[in-house]
Protein backbone atom coordinates (compact mmCIF):
# COMPACT_ATOMS: atom_id res chain seq x y z
CA MET A 1 0.00 0.00 0.00
CA LYS A 2 1.14 3.55 -0.68
CA LEU A 3 0.25 6.36 1.71
CA LEU A 4 0.51 10.13 1.40
CA VAL A 5 0.97 11.83 4.77
CA THR A 6 0.52 15.60 4.86
CA GLY A 7 2.26 17.35 7.73
CA GLY A 8 4.76 14.53 8.12
CA ALA A 9 7.42 16.75 9.70
CA GLY A 10 5.18 17.69 12.63
CA PHE A 11 4.75 15.85 15.92
CA ILE A 12 1.64 13.87 15.01
CA GLY A 13 2.67 13.22 11.41
CA SER A 14 6.15 11.97 12.27
CA ASN A 15 4.88 9.70 15.03
CA PHE A 16 2.17 8.35 12.75
CA ILE A 17 4.79 7.51 10.10
CA ARG A 18 6.97 5.73 12.66
CA TYR A 19 3.98 3.79 13.99
CA TRP A 20 2.77 2.84 10.51
CA LEU A 21 6.15 1.63 9.25
CA LYS A 22 6.72 -0.39 12.42
CA ASN A 23 3.41 -2.20 11.96
CA HIS A 24 3.36 -2.29 8.13
CA PRO A 25 7.01 -2.53 6.99
CA SER A 26 6.15 -3.40 3.38
CA ASP A 27 4.10 -0.21 2.86
CA GLU A 28 5.47 2.90 1.17
CA ILE A 29 4.94 6.38 2.64
CA VAL A 30 5.37 9.77 0.99
CA SER A 31 5.55 12.66 3.45
CA LEU A 32 4.51 16.13 2.29
CA ASP A 33 5.08 19.13 4.53
CA LYS A 34 5.33 22.87 3.91
CA LEU A 35 7.84 23.31 6.80
CA THR A 36 6.52 26.72 7.84
C-alpha cells in the first residue's frame, strides 16, 4: 500500500509515520510538509 501523509514533519505526522512503518514494513509512505 502507498500512503501520502501531509504534515509529516510535525509531531503527530512523524509519530504516525513511525507507527505505521513499524506495523506495516512493506508499505510505502510519501511525506509532504510545507515546513513553515
